[in-house]
Protein backbone atom coordinates (compact mmCIF):
# COMPACT_ATOMS: atom_id res chain seq x y z
CA MET A 1 -31.11 -13.65 78.19
CA LEU A 2 -29.08 -15.23 75.02
CA THR A 3 -27.82 -11.67 74.29
CA TYR A 4 -27.06 -10.57 77.74
CA GLN A 5 -23.39 -10.33 78.43
CA ASN A 6 -22.42 -11.01 81.55
CA PRO A 7 -19.68 -13.24 82.70
CA HIS A 8 -20.87 -13.89 86.17
CA LEU A 9 -23.99 -15.71 85.45
CA SER A 10 -23.90 -19.11 84.84
CA PRO A 11 -25.72 -21.52 82.27
CA GLU A 12 -28.18 -22.70 85.33
CA ALA A 13 -28.63 -19.45 86.42
CA ARG A 14 -29.28 -17.68 82.90
CA TRP A 15 -31.76 -20.73 82.50
CA LEU A 16 -33.81 -20.06 85.86
CA VAL A 17 -34.00 -15.88 84.46
CA MET A 18 -35.12 -16.53 81.34
CA GLN A 19 -37.94 -19.46 82.57
CA TRP A 20 -39.08 -17.13 85.11
CA ALA A 21 -39.14 -13.95 82.97
CA LEU A 22 -41.58 -16.52 80.53
CA LEU A 23 -43.49 -17.93 83.25
CA ILE A 24 -43.68 -15.91 86.22
CA GLY A 25 -43.00 -12.33 84.49
CA PRO A 26 -39.76 -10.29 85.02
CA GLU A 27 -41.53 -8.07 87.20
CA ASN A 28 -43.29 -10.53 89.23
CA SER A 29 -42.67 -12.10 92.80
CA VAL A 30 -43.21 -15.61 93.79
CA GLU A 31 -43.85 -17.41 97.13
CA SER A 32 -42.85 -20.54 97.54
CA SER A 33 -40.48 -23.49 98.41
CA LEU A 34 -36.95 -23.29 96.33
CA GLN A 35 -37.80 -27.05 95.36
CA THR A 36 -41.46 -26.11 94.01
CA LEU A 37 -39.86 -22.97 92.41
CA PHE A 38 -37.06 -25.08 90.59
CA THR A 39 -39.69 -27.95 89.15
CA ARG A 40 -41.84 -25.06 88.08
CA LEU A 41 -39.18 -23.60 86.25
CA GLY A 42 -38.00 -26.58 84.33
CA LEU A 43 -34.60 -27.39 86.60
CA THR A 44 -33.66 -30.56 88.63
CA TYR A 45 -33.00 -29.60 92.21
CA ALA A 46 -29.05 -29.79 91.59
CA GLN A 47 -29.41 -27.58 88.97
CA GLY A 48 -31.29 -25.19 90.95
CA ARG A 49 -29.29 -24.90 94.04
CA ARG A 50 -26.21 -24.09 91.46
CA ALA A 51 -28.43 -21.74 89.90
CA TRP A 52 -29.59 -20.03 93.03
CA GLY A 53 -26.19 -19.91 94.47
CA VAL A 54 -25.08 -17.77 91.62
CA LEU A 55 -28.17 -15.45 91.77
CA THR A 56 -28.42 -14.56 95.40
CA GLY A 57 -24.28 -14.28 96.06
CA LYS A 58 -22.70 -10.75 95.62
CA GLN A 59 -20.79 -10.93 92.24
CA GLY A 60 -17.73 -8.38 93.29
CA ASP A 61 -18.05 -5.46 95.40
CA ASN A 62 -19.83 -3.43 93.04
CA GLN A 63 -22.40 -6.52 92.55
CA GLU A 64 -25.55 -6.61 93.69
CA ARG A 65 -27.59 -9.62 94.22
CA PHE A 66 -29.35 -10.83 90.66
CA VAL A 67 -32.26 -12.16 93.32
CA ASP A 68 -33.89 -10.12 96.06
CA ILE A 69 -35.38 -11.89 99.24
CA GLU A 70 -37.66 -11.01 101.34
CA ARG A 71 -38.48 -12.83 104.43
CA LEU A 72 -42.32 -13.17 105.07
CA PRO A 73 -43.80 -12.77 108.98
CA ARG A 74 -44.18 -15.95 110.60
CA GLN A 75 -47.55 -17.50 110.18
CA GLY A 76 -47.96 -20.45 112.73
CA PRO A 77 -45.40 -23.06 113.04
CA GLY A 78 -42.66 -23.95 110.68
CA ARG A 79 -40.20 -22.02 109.48
CA PRO A 80 -41.28 -18.69 108.17
CA GLY A 81 -41.68 -18.35 104.28
CA SER A 82 -39.73 -15.94 101.60
CA ARG A 83 -40.94 -14.13 98.88
CA TYR A 84 -38.63 -13.78 95.80
CA ARG A 85 -38.10 -11.26 92.98
CA LEU A 86 -35.86 -11.06 90.18
CA SER A 87 -33.70 -7.58 91.04
CA ALA A 88 -34.75 -4.46 89.52
CA LYS A 89 -30.89 -4.05 88.32
CA LEU A 90 -31.17 -6.82 86.70
CA VAL A 91 -34.40 -6.55 84.87
CA LYS A 92 -33.53 -3.03 83.78
CA ALA A 93 -30.29 -4.06 82.39
CA ILE A 94 -32.04 -6.96 80.20
CA ALA A 95 -34.65 -4.54 79.57
CA THR A 96 -32.50 -2.32 77.69
CA ILE A 97 -30.28 -4.69 75.88
CA PRO A 98 -31.17 -3.72 71.57
CA ALA A 99 -33.31 -6.23 70.19
CA HIS A 100 -31.41 -9.05 68.36
CA ALA A 101 -32.83 -10.89 64.96
CA CYS A 102 -33.34 -14.07 67.00
CA GLU A 103 -36.45 -14.83 65.41
CA GLN A 104 -34.60 -16.64 62.51
CA HIS A 105 -34.21 -19.60 64.34
CA ALA A 106 -37.01 -18.70 67.25
CA GLU A 107 -38.49 -22.40 66.65
CA GLU A 108 -35.44 -24.02 67.01
CA ILE A 109 -34.40 -22.08 70.25
CA ASN A 110 -38.03 -22.69 71.29
CA THR A 111 -37.62 -26.38 70.85
CA LEU A 112 -34.50 -26.34 73.37
CA ALA A 113 -36.09 -23.95 75.96
CA LYS A 114 -38.78 -26.84 76.64
CA THR A 115 -36.37 -28.79 78.88
CA THR A 116 -33.10 -28.87 80.30
CA ARG A 117 -32.59 -32.47 79.60
CA LEU A 118 -34.55 -35.25 78.25
CA SER A 119 -36.14 -35.44 81.47
CA THR A 120 -36.51 -32.58 83.83
CA THR A 121 -37.06 -35.08 87.01
CA ASP A 122 -34.42 -36.66 89.44
CA ASP A 123 -35.44 -39.98 89.15
CA LYS A 124 -32.76 -42.50 89.58
CA VAL A 125 -31.39 -44.26 86.32
CA GLY A 126 -28.89 -47.15 85.96
CA LEU A 127 -25.62 -46.87 85.19
CA ILE A 128 -26.28 -47.96 81.80
CA GLU A 129 -28.84 -46.20 80.89
CA GLY A 130 -27.35 -42.65 82.65
CA SER A 131 -24.31 -42.94 80.55
CA ARG A 132 -26.24 -43.09 77.20
CA LEU A 133 -28.53 -40.68 78.15
CA ARG A 134 -25.32 -38.44 78.85
CA ALA A 135 -24.04 -39.37 75.48
CA THR A 136 -26.86 -38.79 73.03
CA SER A 137 -28.45 -36.08 74.81
CA LEU A 138 -28.33 -32.22 75.77
CA SER A 139 -27.22 -31.09 79.06
CA LEU A 140 -27.76 -27.40 80.55
CA PRO A 141 -24.96 -25.88 79.47
CA ASN A 142 -24.24 -27.25 75.97
CA ARG A 143 -28.08 -26.52 75.65
CA TRP A 144 -27.33 -23.02 76.70
CA LEU A 145 -24.58 -22.72 74.24
CA LEU A 146 -26.64 -24.08 71.22
CA MET A 147 -29.13 -21.64 71.84
CA VAL A 148 -26.78 -18.73 71.88
CA LEU A 149 -25.34 -20.03 68.83
CA LEU A 150 -28.51 -20.25 66.98
CA ALA A 151 -29.41 -16.37 68.17
CA HIS A 152 -26.52 -15.69 66.53
CA ALA A 153 -26.88 -17.64 63.59
CA ASN A 154 -28.00 -16.27 59.94
CA SER A 155 -30.59 -17.88 58.36
CA PRO A 156 -28.62 -21.07 56.84
CA GLY A 157 -27.33 -21.44 60.13
CA ILE A 158 -24.00 -20.35 60.14
CA VAL A 159 -22.05 -18.20 63.17
CA THR A 160 -19.71 -15.79 62.00
CA GLY A 161 -18.06 -13.28 64.37
CA LEU A 162 -18.40 -14.85 67.67
CA SER A 163 -15.44 -15.17 69.30
CA VAL A 164 -14.84 -17.81 72.28
CA SER A 165 -14.29 -14.27 74.84
CA ALA A 166 -17.83 -13.19 73.54
CA MET A 167 -19.08 -16.94 74.27
CA CYS A 168 -18.02 -16.51 78.11
CA ARG A 169 -19.61 -13.29 78.49
CA LEU A 170 -22.86 -15.00 77.00
CA THR A 171 -22.90 -17.67 79.06
CA GLY A 172 -21.14 -17.33 82.20
CA MET A 173 -18.58 -20.33 81.17
CA SER A 174 -14.29 -20.71 80.90
CA ARG A 175 -12.95 -20.72 77.73
CA TYR A 176 -12.04 -24.16 78.83
CA ARG A 177 -15.54 -25.00 79.31
CA ILE A 178 -16.68 -23.57 76.64
CA SER A 179 -13.85 -25.50 74.18
CA SER A 180 -15.20 -28.72 76.06
CA GLN A 181 -19.41 -27.85 75.31
CA LEU A 182 -18.25 -27.32 71.46
CA LYS A 183 -16.67 -30.34 71.21
CA LYS A 184 -19.98 -32.05 72.48
CA LEU A 185 -22.06 -30.29 70.12
CA SER A 186 -19.76 -31.54 67.09
CA ASP A 187 -19.37 -34.83 68.53
CA LEU A 188 -23.34 -34.75 68.57
CA ARG A 189 -23.10 -33.17 64.95
CA LEU A 190 -25.03 -30.21 65.77
CA ILE A 191 -21.95 -28.38 64.73
CA THR A 192 -21.55 -29.97 61.31
CA HIS A 193 -18.27 -28.09 60.61
CA HIS A 194 -16.11 -25.75 62.60
CA GLU A 195 -13.55 -23.39 60.47
CA PRO A 196 -10.90 -22.21 63.55
CA GLY A 197 -10.32 -18.46 63.52
CA ARG A 198 -6.96 -17.23 63.24
CA TYR A 199 -4.72 -13.75 63.39
CA ALA A 200 -3.77 -12.69 60.16
CA PRO A 201 -0.65 -10.85 60.65
CA HIS A 202 -1.36 -8.61 57.63
CA ALA A 203 -4.98 -8.05 58.41
CA SER A 204 -6.92 -5.65 60.71
CA VAL A 205 -8.91 -7.78 63.26
CA ARG A 206 -8.01 -11.48 64.43
CA LYS A 207 -10.65 -13.85 62.27
CA THR A 208 -13.26 -15.45 64.28
CA SER A 209 -14.12 -19.00 64.03
CA ILE A 210 -17.03 -20.40 61.85
CA TYR A 211 -19.52 -22.78 62.85
CA LEU A 212 -22.01 -24.63 60.33
CA LEU A 213 -25.19 -25.79 62.73
CA ASP A 214 -27.37 -28.68 61.37
CA LEU A 215 -31.12 -26.84 61.17
CA ALA A 216 -32.40 -30.28 60.34
CA HIS A 217 -30.84 -32.36 63.73
CA PRO A 218 -33.30 -34.51 65.48
CA LEU A 219 -32.63 -32.63 68.83
CA LEU A 220 -33.86 -29.47 67.52
CA GLY A 221 -37.17 -30.87 66.45
CA ASN A 222 -36.41 -30.57 62.74
CA GLY A 223 -35.73 -34.29 61.89
CA GLY A 224 -36.82 -34.59 58.16
CA ARG A 225 -36.39 -31.10 57.29
CA GLU A 226 -33.88 -31.48 55.30
CA SER A 227 -34.99 -31.72 51.58
CA VAL A 228 -32.03 -31.73 49.04
CA ASN A 229 -28.83 -33.29 49.37
CA ILE A 230 -25.93 -33.03 46.60
CA LEU A 231 -22.71 -34.24 46.87
CA LEU A 232 -19.49 -32.06 45.15
CA PRO A 233 -16.14 -33.50 44.30
CA THR A 234 -13.26 -31.89 45.47
CA SER A 235 -10.45 -31.68 43.11
CA SER A 236 -8.53 -34.76 43.51
CA SER A 237 -7.21 -36.71 46.52
CA GLU A 238 -3.79 -35.44 46.05
CA HIS A 239 -4.93 -32.04 47.27
CA LYS A 240 -5.11 -29.99 44.05
CA ARG A 241 -7.22 -26.81 43.80
CA THR A 242 -8.79 -27.45 40.48
CA GLU A 243 -12.80 -27.38 41.18
CA LEU A 244 -14.68 -24.01 41.67
CA VAL A 245 -16.19 -25.25 44.82
CA ASP A 246 -12.63 -25.86 47.33
CA GLY A 247 -10.65 -23.70 44.39
CA ILE A 248 -11.85 -20.34 44.04
CA VAL A 249 -9.77 -18.79 46.84
CA ASP A 250 -6.67 -20.61 45.36
CA ALA A 251 -7.74 -19.50 41.84
CA ALA A 252 -7.74 -15.91 43.59
CA LEU A 253 -4.50 -16.27 44.76
CA ALA A 254 -2.86 -18.11 41.78
CA ALA A 255 -3.73 -15.39 39.57
CA GLY A 256 -2.27 -12.92 41.51
CA VAL A 257 1.21 -14.63 42.11
CA SER A 258 1.10 -15.87 38.33
CA SER A 259 0.91 -11.91 37.02
CA LEU A 260 3.44 -10.98 39.07
CA LYS A 261 5.63 -13.76 38.70
CA ILE A 262 5.06 -12.97 34.73
CA ALA A 263 6.02 -9.43 35.16
CA ALA A 264 8.86 -10.35 37.13
CA LEU A 265 10.19 -12.46 34.13
CA ILE A 266 9.62 -10.01 31.61
CA GLU A 267 11.68 -7.27 33.76
CA GLU A 268 14.94 -10.02 34.57
CA TYR A 269 14.98 -10.86 30.51
CA LYS A 270 14.81 -7.32 29.91
CA ALA A 271 17.93 -6.71 31.95
CA ILE A 272 19.98 -9.57 30.51
CA GLU A 273 18.95 -8.33 26.81
CA ALA A 274 19.87 -4.52 28.02
CA ALA A 275 23.24 -5.65 29.36
CA ASN A 276 24.18 -7.84 26.28
CA ARG A 277 23.21 -4.76 24.16
CA HIS A 278 25.56 -2.95 26.06
CA ALA A 279 28.38 -5.27 26.07
CA SER A 280 28.09 -5.49 22.41
CA THR A 281 28.19 -1.47 21.64
CA GLU A 282 30.99 -0.75 24.19
CA LYS A 283 33.63 -3.74 22.87
CA GLU A 284 34.23 -5.16 19.30
CA GLU A 285 33.38 -8.26 20.51
CA ALA A 286 30.16 -8.97 22.49
CA ILE A 287 30.48 -10.75 26.34
CA LEU A 288 27.17 -12.36 25.58
CA SER A 289 27.20 -14.11 21.81
CA LYS A 290 23.94 -14.45 20.43
CA GLU A 291 23.81 -17.91 20.86
CA PRO A 292 23.76 -18.34 24.56
CA LEU A 293 20.91 -14.86 24.59
CA ASP A 294 18.58 -17.22 22.49
CA ARG A 295 18.69 -19.94 24.82
CA VAL A 296 18.07 -17.64 27.52
CA ALA A 297 15.06 -16.26 25.79
CA LYS A 298 13.81 -19.70 25.14
CA VAL A 299 14.06 -20.47 28.87
CA TYR A 300 12.36 -17.20 30.06
CA LYS A 301 9.91 -18.24 27.20
CA ALA A 302 9.03 -21.54 28.51
CA LYS A 303 8.54 -20.11 32.43
CA VAL A 304 6.41 -17.09 31.08
CA LYS A 305 3.84 -19.76 29.14
CA LYS A 306 3.40 -21.69 32.24
CA ALA A 307 2.75 -19.05 34.27
CA GLN A 308 0.31 -17.28 31.47
CA ASN A 309 -1.47 -20.81 31.83
CA VAL A 310 -1.88 -20.88 35.22
CA TYR A 311 -3.11 -17.38 35.12
CA HIS A 312 -5.69 -18.22 32.52
CA SER A 313 -6.66 -21.19 34.53
CA ALA A 314 -7.17 -19.34 37.72
CA MET A 315 -9.21 -16.94 35.98
CA GLU A 316 -11.60 -19.09 34.48
CA LEU A 317 -12.94 -19.86 38.17
CA LEU A 318 -13.13 -16.56 38.95
CA PRO A 319 -16.09 -13.80 37.68
CA SER A 320 -15.51 -12.48 34.30
CA SER A 321 -17.89 -9.38 34.73
CA TYR A 322 -16.07 -7.69 37.93
CA PRO A 323 -12.72 -5.71 37.91
CA LEU A 324 -10.54 -8.18 39.76
CA GLU A 325 -6.98 -6.72 39.76
CA ASP A 326 -7.58 -4.50 42.87
CA GLY A 327 -9.45 -7.24 44.66
CA ILE A 328 -6.69 -9.50 44.02
CA GLU A 329 -3.86 -7.22 44.89
CA ALA A 330 -5.84 -6.60 48.50
CA LEU A 331 -5.93 -10.29 48.95
CA LEU A 332 -2.34 -11.00 48.53
CA THR A 333 -1.18 -8.10 50.79
CA ALA A 334 -3.88 -8.89 53.66
CA TYR A 335 -3.50 -12.35 53.89
CA ASP A 336 -0.78 -15.45 53.78
CA ALA A 337 -0.83 -18.80 53.00
CA ASP A 338 -2.29 -20.10 56.41
CA ASP A 339 -5.14 -18.07 55.93
CA ALA A 340 -6.47 -19.81 52.75
CA ALA A 341 -8.90 -22.24 54.55
CA TRP A 342 -10.17 -19.78 56.41
CA LEU A 343 -10.60 -17.60 53.44
CA LEU A 344 -12.76 -20.30 51.68
CA ALA A 345 -15.20 -21.13 54.60
CA SER A 346 -15.82 -17.35 54.53
CA VAL A 347 -16.63 -17.76 50.77
CA HIS A 348 -18.80 -20.54 51.09
CA VAL A 349 -21.02 -19.01 54.03
CA ASP A 350 -21.67 -15.83 52.15
CA ALA A 351 -22.46 -17.65 49.22
CA MET A 352 -24.89 -19.85 50.85
CA TRP A 353 -26.64 -16.73 52.51
CA LEU A 354 -26.82 -15.19 48.99
CA LEU A 355 -28.86 -18.93 48.01
CA SER A 356 -30.71 -18.56 51.04
CA SER A 357 -31.88 -15.30 51.13
CA ALA A 358 -31.71 -13.83 47.57
CA TRP A 359 -32.61 -16.64 45.30
CA THR A 360 -34.95 -14.45 43.08
CA GLU A 361 -32.95 -11.53 42.99
CA MET A 362 -29.73 -13.11 41.57
CA ILE A 363 -32.02 -14.65 38.86
CA GLU A 364 -33.44 -11.69 37.70
CA GLY A 365 -29.95 -9.94 38.44
CA ARG A 366 -31.02 -7.49 41.28
CA VAL A 367 -28.38 -8.46 43.68
CA GLY A 368 -24.42 -8.54 42.02
CA PRO A 369 -21.01 -7.26 42.35
CA ARG A 370 -22.34 -4.03 41.29
CA ALA A 371 -25.48 -4.00 43.47
CA PRO A 372 -24.41 -5.92 46.58
CA HIS A 373 -26.92 -7.49 49.03
CA PRO A 374 -26.71 -4.58 52.03
CA GLU A 375 -26.57 -6.99 54.90
CA ILE A 376 -24.29 -9.68 53.27
CA ILE A 377 -21.42 -7.36 52.00
CA ALA A 378 -22.01 -5.50 55.72
CA SER A 379 -21.19 -8.65 57.67
CA ILE A 380 -18.13 -9.11 55.19
CA ALA A 381 -16.66 -5.87 56.37
CA ARG A 382 -17.07 -6.69 59.74
CA ARG A 383 -15.64 -10.32 59.42
CA ILE A 384 -12.57 -9.40 57.93
CA GLY A 385 -12.36 -6.11 59.63
CA SER A 386 -12.42 -3.39 56.82
CA LEU A 387 -14.69 -0.90 57.53
CA PRO A 388 -16.47 1.04 54.68
CA ASN A 389 -14.80 4.19 53.70
CA ASP A 390 -17.19 6.83 54.78
CA VAL A 391 -16.83 5.42 58.40
CA LYS A 392 -13.91 7.25 60.08
CA ASN A 393 -11.86 5.93 62.55
CA ASP A 394 -12.34 8.97 65.06
CA ASP A 395 -16.28 7.61 64.96
CA VAL A 396 -15.25 4.12 65.31
CA ASP A 397 -13.31 5.03 68.50
CA SER A 398 -15.86 7.38 69.88
CA GLU A 399 -18.72 4.34 69.45
CA MET A 400 -16.45 1.87 71.33
CA ASP A 401 -15.36 4.28 74.15
CA THR A 402 -19.29 4.96 74.50
CA GLU A 403 -20.00 1.09 75.02
CA ALA A 404 -17.21 1.00 77.09
CA GLU A 405 -18.66 3.24 79.57
CA GLU A 406 -22.60 1.31 78.88
CA ASN A 407 -21.25 -2.07 79.87
CA ALA A 408 -18.54 -0.89 83.08
CA HIS A 409 -20.48 -3.51 85.08
CA GLY A 410 -19.07 -6.66 83.96
CA LEU A 411 -20.88 -7.06 80.43
CA GLN A 412 -18.10 -6.28 78.27
CA ASP A 413 -14.74 -5.39 78.30
CA LYS A 414 -13.26 -2.48 76.43
CA ASP A 415 -9.92 -4.26 75.41
CA GLU A 416 -11.81 -7.31 74.07
CA GLN A 417 -13.94 -4.76 71.59
CA THR A 418 -12.45 -4.85 67.98
CA HIS A 419 -13.89 -3.47 64.85
CA SER A 420 -15.85 -6.56 63.68
CA GLU A 421 -17.99 -5.71 66.63
CA ILE A 422 -18.85 -2.31 65.66
CA GLU A 423 -22.14 -2.01 63.56
CA VAL A 424 -21.34 -0.41 60.26
CA SER A 425 -24.23 1.08 58.06
CA THR A 426 -25.59 -0.93 55.61
CA THR A 427 -25.60 0.55 52.04
CA LYS A 428 -25.93 -0.68 48.18
CA ASN A 429 -22.92 1.20 46.86
CA PRO A 430 -19.94 -1.19 46.63
CA ALA A 431 -17.81 2.11 46.23
CA SER A 432 -18.32 2.94 50.04
CA TYR A 433 -16.46 -0.67 50.76
CA SER A 434 -12.61 -1.92 50.06
CA HIS A 435 -11.44 -3.20 47.33
CA LEU A 436 -10.95 -6.23 49.41
CA VAL A 437 -14.39 -6.60 50.68
CA ASN A 438 -15.86 -5.81 46.93
CA PHE A 439 -13.58 -8.89 45.71
CA CYS A 440 -14.63 -11.22 48.45
CA TYR A 441 -18.43 -10.47 48.16
CA ALA A 442 -17.56 -11.00 44.08
CA LEU A 443 -16.09 -14.41 45.00
CA SER A 444 -18.96 -15.43 46.88
CA HIS A 445 -21.63 -14.34 44.38
CA HIS A 446 -19.81 -15.95 41.51
CA LEU A 447 -19.85 -19.33 43.60
CA ALA A 448 -23.32 -18.89 44.47
CA LYS A 449 -24.63 -18.21 40.61
CA GLN A 450 -22.70 -21.59 39.53
CA LEU A 451 -24.16 -23.77 42.58
CA GLN A 452 -27.39 -21.95 41.38
CA PHE A 453 -26.90 -22.96 38.36
CA ALA A 454 -26.38 -26.50 38.91
CA LEU A 455 -29.64 -26.95 41.54
CA LYS A 456 -31.72 -25.85 38.84
CA GLY A 457 -30.34 -28.51 36.68
CA HIS A 458 -31.24 -30.79 39.12
CA ALA A 459 -35.03 -29.53 39.41
CA TYR A 460 -35.30 -30.49 35.88
CA LYS A 461 -34.71 -34.07 37.15
CA HIS A 462 -36.80 -34.11 39.94
CA GLY A 463 -39.72 -31.69 39.03
CA GLU A 464 -40.45 -28.15 40.41
CA ILE A 465 -38.64 -27.51 43.82
CA ASP A 466 -39.30 -24.63 45.67
CA TYR A 467 -35.73 -23.34 46.21
CA GLU A 468 -36.69 -19.78 47.13
CA ALA A 469 -37.88 -21.08 50.62
CA MET A 470 -35.04 -23.13 51.41
CA ASP A 471 -32.09 -22.51 53.40
CA PHE A 472 -28.50 -23.95 51.95
CA MET A 473 -25.84 -25.01 53.79
CA LEU A 474 -22.11 -26.02 52.05
CA ILE A 475 -20.55 -28.62 54.55
CA PRO A 476 -17.12 -30.02 54.10
CA VAL A 477 -17.13 -34.05 54.51
CA CYS A 478 -13.60 -35.65 55.55
CA SER A 479 -12.16 -39.03 54.74
CA ASN A 480 -12.64 -41.35 57.44
CA LYS A 481 -9.28 -43.04 56.82
CA PRO A 482 -6.50 -42.47 58.89
CA ASP A 483 -4.04 -41.75 56.30
CA GLN A 484 -6.27 -39.86 54.44
CA GLN A 485 -6.73 -36.79 56.57
CA HIS A 486 -8.56 -34.25 54.22
CA ILE A 487 -11.73 -33.19 52.84
CA SER A 488 -13.08 -35.62 50.08
CA MET A 489 -16.32 -34.23 49.23
CA PHE A 490 -18.62 -31.31 49.94
CA GLN A 491 -22.25 -31.53 50.84
CA LEU A 492 -24.59 -29.00 49.36
CA ARG A 493 -27.98 -29.06 52.02
CA GLY A 494 -31.21 -27.62 51.47
CA TYR A 495 -33.37 -27.09 54.00
CA GLY A 496 -36.76 -26.85 53.31
CA ALA A 497 -40.19 -27.17 55.12
CA GLY A 498 -41.14 -30.38 56.71
CA GLY A 499 -42.76 -33.39 55.06
CA GLN A 500 -40.65 -32.40 51.72
CA GLU A 501 -39.24 -35.41 49.94
CA LEU A 502 -35.69 -35.50 50.18
CA ILE A 503 -34.19 -35.49 46.79
CA HIS A 504 -30.57 -37.33 47.31
CA GLU A 505 -27.62 -36.62 44.37
CA GLU A 506 -24.34 -38.45 44.41
CA THR A 507 -22.56 -35.94 42.65
CA ALA A 508 -22.91 -32.51 40.81
CA TYR A 509 -20.07 -30.88 38.67
CA THR A 510 -19.18 -27.40 38.75
CA LEU A 511 -16.50 -25.82 36.58
CA ASN A 512 -12.68 -27.42 36.60
CA VAL A 513 -9.29 -26.57 35.20
CA SER A 514 -6.37 -28.71 34.55
CA GLU A 515 -3.35 -26.56 36.36
CA ASP A 516 -3.14 -27.28 40.04
CA LEU A 517 -3.66 -23.79 41.75
CA LYS A 518 -2.78 -24.37 44.85
CA ALA A 519 0.26 -25.91 44.44
CA TYR A 520 1.82 -23.26 42.04
CA TRP A 521 1.01 -20.03 43.97
CA GLN A 522 2.24 -22.25 47.41
CA ALA A 523 5.28 -22.65 45.56
CA HIS A 524 5.89 -19.29 44.25
CA TYR A 525 3.87 -16.99 46.78
CA ASN A 526 7.40 -16.07 48.90
CA ASN A 527 9.66 -15.41 45.85
CA TYR A 528 7.10 -12.95 44.17
CA LEU A 529 5.08 -11.57 46.90
CA ALA A 530 7.66 -10.47 49.70
CA ALA A 531 8.67 -7.46 47.68
CA LYS A 532 5.29 -6.62 46.93
CA ILE A 533 4.35 -6.87 50.79
CA GLY A 534 7.45 -4.69 51.86
CA GLU A 535 6.51 -2.50 49.25
CA HIS A 536 2.65 -2.16 50.55
CA ASN A 537 4.41 -1.60 53.90
CA ASP A 538 6.42 0.85 53.29
CA ALA A 539 3.98 3.05 51.52
CA LEU A 540 1.85 2.75 54.35
CA GLU A 541 4.66 3.16 56.67
CA GLY A 542 5.17 6.70 54.64
CA SER A 543 1.61 7.31 54.89
CA ILE A 544 1.57 7.63 58.55
CA THR A 545 4.75 9.34 59.11
CA SER A 546 3.86 12.08 56.39
CA SER A 547 0.81 12.51 58.43
CA SER A 548 2.31 12.68 61.75
């Protein structure tokens, strides 16, 4: 039910169907009063009536009821009884859904599935007590939404690739209601960070939101599971980007922009020098004397040196054992200045995934830019909409058409499908992926290695720590001061087995540089990249025209 896409089924209806399948059996019928049935399935009478109205009402001209009702012969005085059964169409539709990897967070999902609220009874409570319960507990709609998020989260508890439209189909709630429930989960700190999705004009797909879930939250039954909590400083309060954790994407962009500026400055000076030389040979007296040319040379030399300093500083934060030029160029042509925050969150996501699932492999060198983790690099390809080179567009279109036909009865709209929703083959061969995918993976692996080094340093202080068994999360912490709305710190959390002693460190330092990388690339981005993007678009249009 957590992966069954049907916008007609409300959270209450989905809960009733799920509990029916668990407690009664999907193909078994039941004979009882509705109130007794609702209580047995963990619903209040009000919740049950809302669910029953959805399940027994026709959903459109071509939709059948989700519950079949058989009236039984009257036996004695009173109203005749009824036999209820989940419709064969619904049972078949759910049974044919491909198995989803929900087992990573099965424990948390089972905890949430035990009750629709703190109490399943209709006992009256006071106004103040009722207000407190509503503010600190989970209602059925946001409980179901949280279960859906957990079902689609990777091992550290990070959700990517799940759009609001998909959530509507998985919960039966409207977009407005989804937004309201996400805010409630954020207020309860069950969602510790939400990086909004965005549409990048030069990229192939819309970037869906990224959600970080707190796996140690008491409402998930994991209070005390958090074992390591290390604070990583940001660059500075002036929003500079000089630290590895918050500046790795800005370093990539600064490296690309500064290299373009260096090349442009050299070409400009060569043009001035050539004009001066031409004037000196054509006329007896040079138009430009040697002294002004020397002054021009000094100015250009100073500009080139500044750009070179930025370039070398940026490269200090980037991986040195992997060719970066093609990846940086692809990054610059695919994204604009507004994408930097989403890209940074994306790099953090994959770095945490590597720490959580490939700790030993990274130490032994079995996972790296030249031998990528197959699931993680495939996830990057889906997230940024860059399919492997060996997957043809015709194959993608065919697969999308097939899925649209299979979901003709309201499961999924063809127009809402994107390349990011197409499963791509997982391969360890980096050549199968684009330069941009390989580059993003290299950034995440580099950050993961540096954080792994910092964590191993803390292990020496506190004794042996089983990092290999932990899930990791990198959470931005914003300043509480109204006049300082910026990220003031990053928390590196390690979720271990319950009962492990919590290790809390105030600060841990990673790589940093002296140049303000963010300010530099943003100041020169438009001047030195507009022509580059124009060349890229002209080449793309030319290839399309020639192929036509």
